[in-house]
């Protein structure tokens, strides 16, 4: 997995989800994105899916059984994007 994708995702998370008082260095790529980790919620997941579609050409449907795995951490999301990106 490329650190470039992780760095891009950190910046996207902060800018697109309006995460205030957080810098890219504050985000642990192996920590959970939801609940105890970064604290994202289901609305954040929807917004993130739209951003991923727009930036990487990857459609993630809410009915995808892999969503829990895909969004488990920034590392998992970066792996998924690297394997499936069209842009």
PDB file of N, CA and C in Angstrom:
ATOM      1  N   UNK A   1       0.853  -1.175   0.000  1.00  0.00           N
ATOM      2  CA  UNK A   1       0.000   0.000   0.000  1.00  0.00           C
ATOM      3  C   UNK A   1       0.888   1.224   0.000  1.00  0.00           C
ATOM      4  N   UNK A   2       0.523   2.211  -0.785  1.00  0.00           N
ATOM      5  CA  UNK A   2       1.344   3.394  -0.892  1.00  0.00           C
ATOM      6  C   UNK A   2       1.037   4.407   0.192  1.00  0.00           C
ATOM      7  N   UNK A   3       2.108   4.985   0.726  1.00  0.00           N
ATOM      8  CA  UNK A   3       1.886   6.021   1.729  1.00  0.00           C
ATOM      9  C   UNK A   3       1.269   7.257   1.098  1.00  0.00           C
ATOM     10  N   UNK A   4       1.422   7.413  -0.216  1.00  0.00           N
ATOM     11  CA  UNK A   4       0.796   8.542  -0.900  1.00  0.00           C
ATOM     12  C   UNK A   4      -0.716   8.494  -0.738  1.00  0.00           C
ATOM     13  N   UNK A   5      -1.311   7.320  -0.884  1.00  0.00           N
ATOM     14  CA  UNK A   5      -2.762   7.175  -0.748  1.00  0.00           C
ATOM     15  C   UNK A   5      -3.173   7.476   0.691  1.00  0.00           C
ATOM     16  N   UNK A   6      -2.409   6.998   1.652  1.00  0.00           N
ATOM     17  CA  UNK A   6      -2.723   7.265   3.057  1.00  0.00           C
ATOM     18  C   UNK A   6      -2.655   8.764   3.335  1.00  0.00           C
ATOM     19  N   UNK A   7      -1.605   9.422   2.837  1.00  0.00           N
ATOM     20  CA  UNK A   7      -1.480  10.869   3.040  1.00  0.00           C
ATOM     21  C   UNK A   7      -2.640  11.613   2.381  1.00  0.00           C
ATOM     22  N   UNK A   8      -3.016  11.196   1.167  1.00  0.00           N
ATOM     23  CA  UNK A   8      -4.164  11.813   0.490  1.00  0.00           C
ATOM     24  C   UNK A   8      -5.438  11.623   1.306  1.00  0.00           C
ATOM     25  N   UNK A   9      -5.633  10.410   1.818  1.00  0.00           N
ATOM     26  CA  UNK A   9      -6.836  10.118   2.596  1.00  0.00           C
ATOM     27  C   UNK A   9      -6.884  10.923   3.893  1.00  0.00           C
ATOM     28  N   UNK A  10      -5.753  11.083   4.539  1.00  0.00           N
ATOM     29  CA  UNK A  10      -5.720  11.891   5.758  1.00  0.00           C
ATOM     30  C   UNK A  10      -6.181  13.317   5.458  1.00  0.00           C
ATOM     31  N   UNK A  11      -5.653  13.888   4.387  1.00  0.00           N
ATOM     32  CA  UNK A  11      -6.031  15.247   4.009  1.00  0.00           C
ATOM     33  C   UNK A  11      -7.501  15.309   3.625  1.00  0.00           C
ATOM     34  N   UNK A  12      -7.978  14.313   2.859  1.00  0.00           N
ATOM     35  CA  UNK A  12      -9.393  14.275   2.477  1.00  0.00           C
ATOM     36  C   UNK A  12     -10.303  14.174   3.699  1.00  0.00           C
ATOM     37  N   UNK A  13      -9.936  13.334   4.641  1.00  0.00           N
ATOM     38  CA  UNK A  13     -10.745  13.198   5.849  1.00  0.00           C
ATOM     39  C   UNK A  13     -10.894  14.538   6.556  1.00  0.00           C
ATOM     40  N   UNK A  14      -9.793  15.235   6.702  1.00  0.00           N
ATOM     41  CA  UNK A  14      -9.809  16.507   7.422  1.00  0.00           C
ATOM     42  C   UNK A  14     -10.603  17.567   6.668  1.00  0.00           C
ATOM     43  N   UNK A  15     -10.349  17.696   5.365  1.00  0.00           N
ATOM     44  CA  UNK A  15     -11.014  18.759   4.615  1.00  0.00           C
ATOM     45  C   UNK A  15     -12.467  18.444   4.288  1.00  0.00           C
ATOM     46  N   UNK A  16     -12.735  17.242   3.832  1.00  0.00           N
ATOM     47  CA  UNK A  16     -14.088  16.891   3.390  1.00  0.00           C
ATOM     48  C   UNK A  16     -15.051  16.656   4.551  1.00  0.00           C
ATOM     49  N   UNK A  17     -14.545  16.187   5.675  1.00  0.00           N
ATOM     50  CA  UNK A  17     -15.419  15.904   6.819  1.00  0.00           C
ATOM     51  C   UNK A  17     -15.336  17.003   7.876  1.00  0.00           C
ATOM     52  N   UNK A  18     -14.628  18.086   7.528  1.00  0.00           N
ATOM     53  CA  UNK A  18     -14.512  19.245   8.424  1.00  0.00           C
ATOM     54  C   UNK A  18     -14.049  18.857   9.828  1.00  0.00           C
ATOM     55  N   UNK A  19     -13.007  18.053   9.876  1.00  0.00           N
ATOM     56  CA  UNK A  19     -12.450  17.660  11.172  1.00  0.00           C
ATOM     57  C   UNK A  19     -11.556  18.787  11.680  1.00  0.00           C
ATOM     58  N   UNK A  20     -12.059  19.518  12.639  1.00  0.00           N
ATOM     59  CA  UNK A  20     -11.324  20.665  13.164  1.00  0.00           C
ATOM     60  C   UNK A  20     -10.326  20.213  14.220  1.00  0.00           C
ATOM     61  N   UNK A  21      -9.277  20.968  14.360  1.00  0.00           N
ATOM     62  CA  UNK A  21      -8.250  20.717  15.376  1.00  0.00           C
ATOM     63  C   UNK A  21      -7.550  19.375  15.201  1.00  0.00           C
ATOM     64  N   UNK A  22      -7.546  18.834  13.989  1.00  0.00           N
ATOM     65  CA  UNK A  22      -6.839  17.586  13.709  1.00  0.00           C
ATOM     66  C   UNK A  22      -5.899  17.832  12.531  1.00  0.00           C
ATOM     67  N   UNK A  23      -4.664  17.381  12.675  1.00  0.00           N
ATOM     68  CA  UNK A  23      -3.718  17.470  11.566  1.00  0.00           C
ATOM     69  C   UNK A  23      -3.507  16.061  11.022  1.00  0.00           C
ATOM     70  N   UNK A  24      -2.995  15.955   9.804  1.00  0.00           N
ATOM     71  CA  UNK A  24      -2.728  14.613   9.255  1.00  0.00           C
ATOM     72  C   UNK A  24      -1.865  13.759  10.170  1.00  0.00           C
ATOM     73  N   UNK A  25      -0.919  14.374  10.866  1.00  0.00           N
ATOM     74  CA  UNK A  25      -0.040  13.624  11.767  1.00  0.00           C
ATOM     75  C   UNK A  25      -0.789  13.057  12.968  1.00  0.00           C
ATOM     76  N   UNK A  26      -1.949  13.638  13.290  1.00  0.00           N
ATOM     77  CA  UNK A  26      -2.749  13.161  14.425  1.00  0.00           C
ATOM     78  C   UNK A  26      -3.512  11.873  14.096  1.00  0.00           C
ATOM     79  N   UNK A  27      -3.625  11.544  12.822  1.00  0.00           N
ATOM     80  CA  UNK A  27      -4.430  10.397  12.411  1.00  0.00           C
ATOM     81  C   UNK A  27      -3.548   9.156  12.312  1.00  0.00           C
ATOM     82  N   UNK A  28      -3.874   8.168  13.129  1.00  0.00           N
ATOM     83  CA  UNK A  28      -3.166   6.886  13.122  1.00  0.00           C
ATOM     84  C   UNK A  28      -3.796   6.010  12.042  1.00  0.00           C
ATOM     85  N   UNK A  29      -3.029   5.655  11.031  1.00  0.00           N
ATOM     86  CA  UNK A  29      -3.556   4.902   9.884  1.00  0.00           C
ATOM     87  C   UNK A  29      -4.058   3.515  10.261  1.00  0.00           C
ATOM     88  N   UNK A  30      -3.613   2.984  11.388  1.00  0.00           N
ATOM     89  CA  UNK A  30      -4.057   1.649  11.793  1.00  0.00           C
ATOM     90  C   UNK A  30      -5.201   1.694  12.814  1.00  0.00           C
ATOM     91  N   UNK A  31      -5.549   2.879  13.294  1.00  0.00           N
ATOM     92  CA  UNK A  31      -6.635   3.015  14.277  1.00  0.00           C
ATOM     93  C   UNK A  31      -7.995   2.907  13.578  1.00  0.00           C
ATOM     94  N   UNK A  32      -9.005   2.478  14.309  1.00  0.00           N
ATOM     95  CA  UNK A  32     -10.348   2.419  13.721  1.00  0.00           C
ATOM     96  C   UNK A  32     -10.813   3.816  13.278  1.00  0.00           C
ATOM     97  N   UNK A  33     -11.543   3.866  12.178  1.00  0.00           N
ATOM     98  CA  UNK A  33     -12.091   5.146  11.718  1.00  0.00           C
ATOM     99  C   UNK A  33     -13.343   5.529  12.497  1.00  0.00           C
ATOM    100  N   UNK A  34     -14.049   4.530  12.991  1.00  0.00           N
ATOM    101  CA  UNK A  34     -15.324   4.769  13.662  1.00  0.00           C
ATOM    102  C   UNK A  34     -15.220   4.462  15.150  1.00  0.00           C
ATOM    103  N   UNK A  35     -16.162   4.988  15.887  1.00  0.00           N
ATOM    104  CA  UNK A  35     -16.277   4.795  17.341  1.00  0.00           C
ATOM    105  C   UNK A  35     -15.021   5.228  18.073  1.00  0.00           C
ATOM    106  N   UNK A  36     -14.328   4.292  18.708  1.00  0.00           N
ATOM    107  CA  UNK A  36     -13.223   4.639  19.599  1.00  0.00           C
ATOM    108  C   UNK A  36     -12.009   5.222  18.885  1.00  0.00           C
ATOM    109  N   UNK A  37     -11.897   5.000  17.600  1.00  0.00           N
ATOM    110  CA  UNK A  37     -10.747   5.517  16.865  1.00  0.00           C
ATOM    111  C   UNK A  37     -10.922   6.992  16.556  1.00  0.00           C
ATOM    112  N   UNK A  38     -11.106   7.294  15.294  1.00  0.00           N
ATOM    113  CA  UNK A  38     -11.251   8.678  14.850  1.00  0.00           C
ATOM    114  C   UNK A  38     -12.625   9.241  15.203  1.00  0.00           C
ATOM    115  N   UNK A  39     -13.565   8.373  15.494  1.00  0.00           N
ATOM    116  CA  UNK A  39     -14.877   8.828  15.939  1.00  0.00           C
ATOM    117  C   UNK A  39     -15.839   9.211  14.833  1.00  0.00           C
ATOM    118  N   UNK A  40     -15.626   8.693  13.628  1.00  0.00           N
ATOM    119  CA  UNK A  40     -16.539   8.993  12.532  1.00  0.00           C
ATOM    120  C   UNK A  40     -17.867   8.283  12.742  1.00  0.00           C
ATOM    121  N   UNK A  41     -18.913   8.762  12.059  1.00  0.00           N
ATOM    122  CA  UNK A  41     -20.228   8.127  12.167  1.00  0.00           C
ATOM    123  C   UNK A  41     -20.728   7.731  10.781  1.00  0.00           C
ATOM    124  N   UNK A  42     -21.950   7.239  10.703  1.00  0.00           N
ATOM    125  CA  UNK A  42     -22.479   6.721   9.439  1.00  0.00           C
ATOM    126  C   UNK A  42     -22.617   7.814   8.384  1.00  0.00           C
ATOM    127  N   UNK A  43     -22.921   9.029   8.794  1.00  0.00           N
ATOM    128  CA  UNK A  43     -23.012  10.127   7.825  1.00  0.00           C
ATOM    129  C   UNK A  43     -21.627  10.424   7.257  1.00  0.00           C
ATOM    130  N   UNK A  44     -20.615  10.373   8.112  1.00  0.00           N
ATOM    131  CA  UNK A  44     -19.237  10.549   7.637  1.00  0.00           C
ATOM    132  C   UNK A  44     -18.880   9.467   6.626  1.00  0.00           C
ATOM    133  N   UNK A  45     -19.337   8.241   6.862  1.00  0.00           N
ATOM    134  CA  UNK A  45     -19.063   7.135   5.938  1.00  0.00           C
ATOM    135  C   UNK A  45     -19.674   7.419   4.569  1.00  0.00           C
ATOM    136  N   UNK A  46     -20.890   7.929   4.561  1.00  0.00           N
ATOM    137  CA  UNK A  46     -21.542   8.270   3.287  1.00  0.00           C
ATOM    138  C   UNK A  46     -20.771   9.363   2.559  1.00  0.00           C
ATOM    139  N   UNK A  47     -20.388  10.394   3.289  1.00  0.00           N
ATOM    140  CA  UNK A  47     -19.628  11.490   2.680  1.00  0.00           C
ATOM    141  C   UNK A  47     -18.292  10.985   2.148  1.00  0.00           C
ATOM    142  N   UNK A  48     -17.666  10.124   2.909  1.00  0.00           N
ATOM    143  CA  UNK A  48     -16.378   9.561   2.496  1.00  0.00           C
ATOM    144  C   UNK A  48     -16.524   8.716   1.238  1.00  0.00           C
ATOM    145  N   UNK A  49     -17.591   7.949   1.150  1.00  0.00           N
ATOM    146  CA  UNK A  49     -17.845   7.136  -0.045  1.00  0.00           C
ATOM    147  C   UNK A  49     -18.010   8.016  -1.281  1.00  0.00           C
ATOM    148  N   UNK A  50     -18.679   9.156  -1.126  1.00  0.00           N
ATOM    149  CA  UNK A  50     -18.860  10.089  -2.245  1.00  0.00           C
ATOM    150  C   UNK A  50     -17.514  10.673  -2.666  1.00  0.00           C
ATOM    151  N   UNK A  51     -16.703  11.038  -1.703  1.00  0.00           N
ATOM    152  CA  UNK A  51     -15.381  11.599  -1.993  1.00  0.00           C
ATOM    153  C   UNK A  51     -14.501  10.566  -2.698  1.00  0.00           C
ATOM    154  N   UNK A  52     -14.558   9.319  -2.253  1.00  0.00           N
ATOM    155  CA  UNK A  52     -13.756   8.257  -2.862  1.00  0.00           C
ATOM    156  C   UNK A  52     -14.200   8.023  -4.303  1.00  0.00           C
ATOM    157  N   UNK A  53     -15.487   8.067  -4.544  1.00  0.00           N
ATOM    158  CA  UNK A  53     -16.001   7.920  -5.908  1.00  0.00           C
ATOM    159  C   UNK A  53     -15.494   9.065  -6.779  1.00  0.00           C
ATOM    160  N   UNK A  54     -15.589  10.279  -6.275  1.00  0.00           N
ATOM    161  CA  UNK A  54     -15.192  11.460  -7.040  1.00  0.00           C
ATOM    162  C   UNK A  54     -13.690  11.485  -7.308  1.00  0.00           C
ATOM    163  N   UNK A  55     -12.889  11.161  -6.315  1.00  0.00           N
ATOM    164  CA  UNK A  55     -11.432  11.270  -6.466  1.00  0.00           C
ATOM    165  C   UNK A  55     -10.797  10.050  -7.133  1.00  0.00           C
ATOM    166  N   UNK A  56     -11.292   8.854  -6.792  1.00  0.00           N
ATOM    167  CA  UNK A  56     -10.628   7.635  -7.254  1.00  0.00           C
ATOM    168  C   UNK A  56     -11.457   6.812  -8.241  1.00  0.00           C
ATOM    169  N   UNK A  57     -12.702   7.211  -8.489  1.00  0.00           N
ATOM    170  CA  UNK A  57     -13.544   6.470  -9.414  1.00  0.00           C
ATOM    171  C   UNK A  57     -14.009   5.134  -8.864  1.00  0.00           C
ATOM    172  N   UNK A  58     -14.122   5.030  -7.545  1.00  0.00           N
ATOM    173  CA  UNK A  58     -14.536   3.785  -6.899  1.00  0.00           C
ATOM    174  C   UNK A  58     -15.893   4.003  -6.242  1.00  0.00           C
ATOM    175  N   UNK A  59     -16.864   3.211  -6.664  1.00  0.00           N
ATOM    176  CA  UNK A  59     -18.193   3.294  -6.051  1.00  0.00           C
ATOM    177  C   UNK A  59     -18.285   2.262  -4.930  1.00  0.00           C
ATOM    178  N   UNK A  60     -18.599   2.749  -3.735  1.00  0.00           N
ATOM    179  CA  UNK A  60     -18.797   1.868  -2.591  1.00  0.00           C
ATOM    180  C   UNK A  60     -20.264   1.982  -2.210  1.00  0.00           C
ATOM    181  N   UNK A  61     -20.985   0.918  -2.418  1.00  0.00           N
ATOM    182  CA  UNK A  61     -22.422   0.918  -2.132  1.00  0.00           C
ATOM    183  C   UNK A  61     -22.670   0.588  -0.666  1.00  0.00           C
ATOM    184  N   UNK A  62     -23.730   1.168  -0.115  1.00  0.00           N
ATOM    185  CA  UNK A  62     -24.045   0.916   1.296  1.00  0.00           C
ATOM    186  C   UNK A  62     -24.375  -0.548   1.547  1.00  0.00           C
ATOM    187  N   UNK A  63     -24.782  -1.255   0.501  1.00  0.00           N
ATOM    188  CA  UNK A  63     -25.140  -2.667   0.651  1.00  0.00           C
ATOM    189  C   UNK A  63     -23.938  -3.609   0.526  1.00  0.00           C
ATOM    190  N   UNK A  64     -22.755  -3.064   0.267  1.00  0.00           N
ATOM    191  CA  UNK A  64     -21.568  -3.900   0.106  1.00  0.00           C
ATOM    192  C   UNK A  64     -21.229  -4.584   1.434  1.00  0.00           C
ATOM    193  N   UNK A  65     -21.181  -5.895   1.418  1.00  0.00           N
ATOM    194  CA  UNK A  65     -20.922  -6.666   2.637  1.00  0.00           C
ATOM    195  C   UNK A  65     -19.509  -6.434   3.184  1.00  0.00           C
ATOM    196  N   UNK A  66     -18.633  -5.887   2.371  1.00  0.00           N
ATOM    197  CA  UNK A  66     -17.251  -5.655   2.804  1.00  0.00           C
ATOM    198  C   UNK A  66     -17.060  -4.315   3.502  1.00  0.00           C
ATOM    199  N   UNK A  67     -18.094  -3.491   3.606  1.00  0.00           N
ATOM    200  CA  UNK A  67     -17.938  -2.135   4.135  1.00  0.00           C
ATOM    201  C   UNK A  67     -17.277  -2.080   5.509  1.00  0.00           C
ATOM    202  N   UNK A  68     -17.663  -2.981   6.390  1.00  0.00           N
ATOM    203  CA  UNK A  68     -17.070  -2.979   7.730  1.00  0.00           C
ATOM    204  C   UNK A  68     -15.559  -3.182   7.640  1.00  0.00           C
ATOM    205  N   UNK A  69     -15.152  -4.062   6.734  1.00  0.00           N
ATOM    206  CA  UNK A  69     -13.726  -4.322   6.532  1.00  0.00           C
ATOM    207  C   UNK A  69     -13.056  -3.150   5.806  1.00  0.00           C
ATOM    208  N   UNK A  70     -13.698  -2.647   4.747  1.00  0.00           N
ATOM    209  CA  UNK A  70     -13.131  -1.555   3.950  1.00  0.00           C
ATOM    210  C   UNK A  70     -12.877  -0.328   4.809  1.00  0.00           C
ATOM    211  N   UNK A  71     -13.829   0.010   5.662  1.00  0.00           N
ATOM    212  CA  UNK A  71     -13.733   1.221   6.478  1.00  0.00           C
ATOM    213  C   UNK A  71     -13.197   0.953   7.888  1.00  0.00           C
ATOM    214  N   UNK A  72     -12.559  -0.198   8.101  1.00  0.00           N
ATOM    215  CA  UNK A  72     -12.090  -0.530   9.448  1.00  0.00           C
ATOM    216  C   UNK A  72     -10.952   0.377   9.906  1.00  0.00           C
ATOM    217  N   UNK A  73     -10.109   0.791   8.994  1.00  0.00           N
ATOM    218  CA  UNK A  73      -8.999   1.693   9.322  1.00  0.00           C
ATOM    219  C   UNK A  73      -8.563   2.404   8.040  1.00  0.00           C
ATOM    220  N   UNK A  74      -7.724   3.393   8.217  1.00  0.00           N
ATOM    221  CA  UNK A  74      -7.200   4.108   7.054  1.00  0.00           C
ATOM    222  C   UNK A  74      -6.337   3.179   6.200  1.00  0.00           C
ATOM    223  N   UNK A  75      -5.588   2.299   6.842  1.00  0.00           N
ATOM    224  CA  UNK A  75      -4.780   1.332   6.093  1.00  0.00           C
ATOM    225  C   UNK A  75      -5.662   0.441   5.229  1.00  0.00           C
ATOM    226  N   UNK A  76      -6.759  -0.067   5.797  1.00  0.00           N
ATOM    227  CA  UNK A  76      -7.669  -0.939   5.042  1.00  0.00           C
ATOM    228  C   UNK A  76      -8.306  -0.179   3.883  1.00  0.00           C
ATOM    229  N   UNK A  77      -8.691   1.053   4.126  1.00  0.00           N
ATOM    230  CA  UNK A  77      -9.291   1.874   3.073  1.00  0.00           C
ATOM    231  C   UNK A  77      -8.278   2.151   1.967  1.00  0.00           C
ATOM    232  N   UNK A  78      -7.045   2.452   2.333  1.00  0.00           N
ATOM    233  CA  UNK A  78      -5.991   2.704   1.342  1.00  0.00           C
ATOM    234  C   UNK A  78      -5.717   1.445   0.514  1.00  0.00           C
ATOM    235  N   UNK A  79      -5.708   0.277   1.164  1.00  0.00           N
ATOM    236  CA  UNK A  79      -5.511  -0.986   0.438  1.00  0.00           C
ATOM    237  C   UNK A  79      -6.624  -1.189  -0.579  1.00  0.00           C
ATOM    238  N   UNK A  80      -7.864  -0.947  -0.149  1.00  0.00           N
ATOM    239  CA  UNK A  80      -9.018  -1.112  -1.026  1.00  0.00           C
ATOM    240  C   UNK A  80      -8.929  -0.162  -2.225  1.00  0.00           C
ATOM    241  N   UNK A  81      -8.583   1.083  -1.963  1.00  0.00           N
ATOM    242  CA  UNK A  81      -8.471   2.082  -3.038  1.00  0.00           C
ATOM    243  C   UNK A  81      -7.359   1.701  -3.999  1.00  0.00           C
ATOM    244  N   UNK A  82      -6.212   1.306  -3.476  1.00  0.00           N
ATOM    245  CA  UNK A  82      -5.083   0.926  -4.329  1.00  0.00           C
ATOM    246  C   UNK A  82      -5.448  -0.232  -5.232  1.00  0.00           C
ATOM    247  N   UNK A  83      -6.208  -1.189  -4.723  1.00  0.00           N
ATOM    248  CA  UNK A  83      -6.587  -2.367  -5.505  1.00  0.00           C
ATOM    249  C   UNK A  83      -7.699  -2.085  -6.518  1.00  0.00           C
ATOM    250  N   UNK A  84      -8.503  -1.041  -6.286  1.00  0.00           N
ATOM    251  CA  UNK A  84      -9.697  -0.831  -7.109  1.00  0.00           C
ATOM    252  C   UNK A  84      -9.776   0.501  -7.846  1.00  0.00           C
ATOM    253  N   UNK A  85      -8.803   1.349  -7.691  1.00  0.00           N
ATOM    254  CA  UNK A  85      -8.918   2.689  -8.255  1.00  0.00           C
ATOM    255  C   UNK A  85      -8.908   2.671  -9.783  1.00  0.00           C
ATOM    256  N   UNK A  86      -9.661   3.609 -10.342  1.00  0.00           N
ATOM    257  CA  UNK A  86      -9.695   3.778 -11.791  1.00  0.00           C
ATOM    258  C   UNK A  86      -9.068   5.113 -12.194  1.00  0.00           C
ATOM    259  N   UNK A  87      -8.719   5.930 -11.219  1.00  0.00           N
ATOM    260  CA  UNK A  87      -8.071   7.233 -11.485  1.00  0.00           C
ATOM    261  C   UNK A  87      -6.834   7.378 -10.640  1.00  0.00           C
TER     262      UNK A  87
END
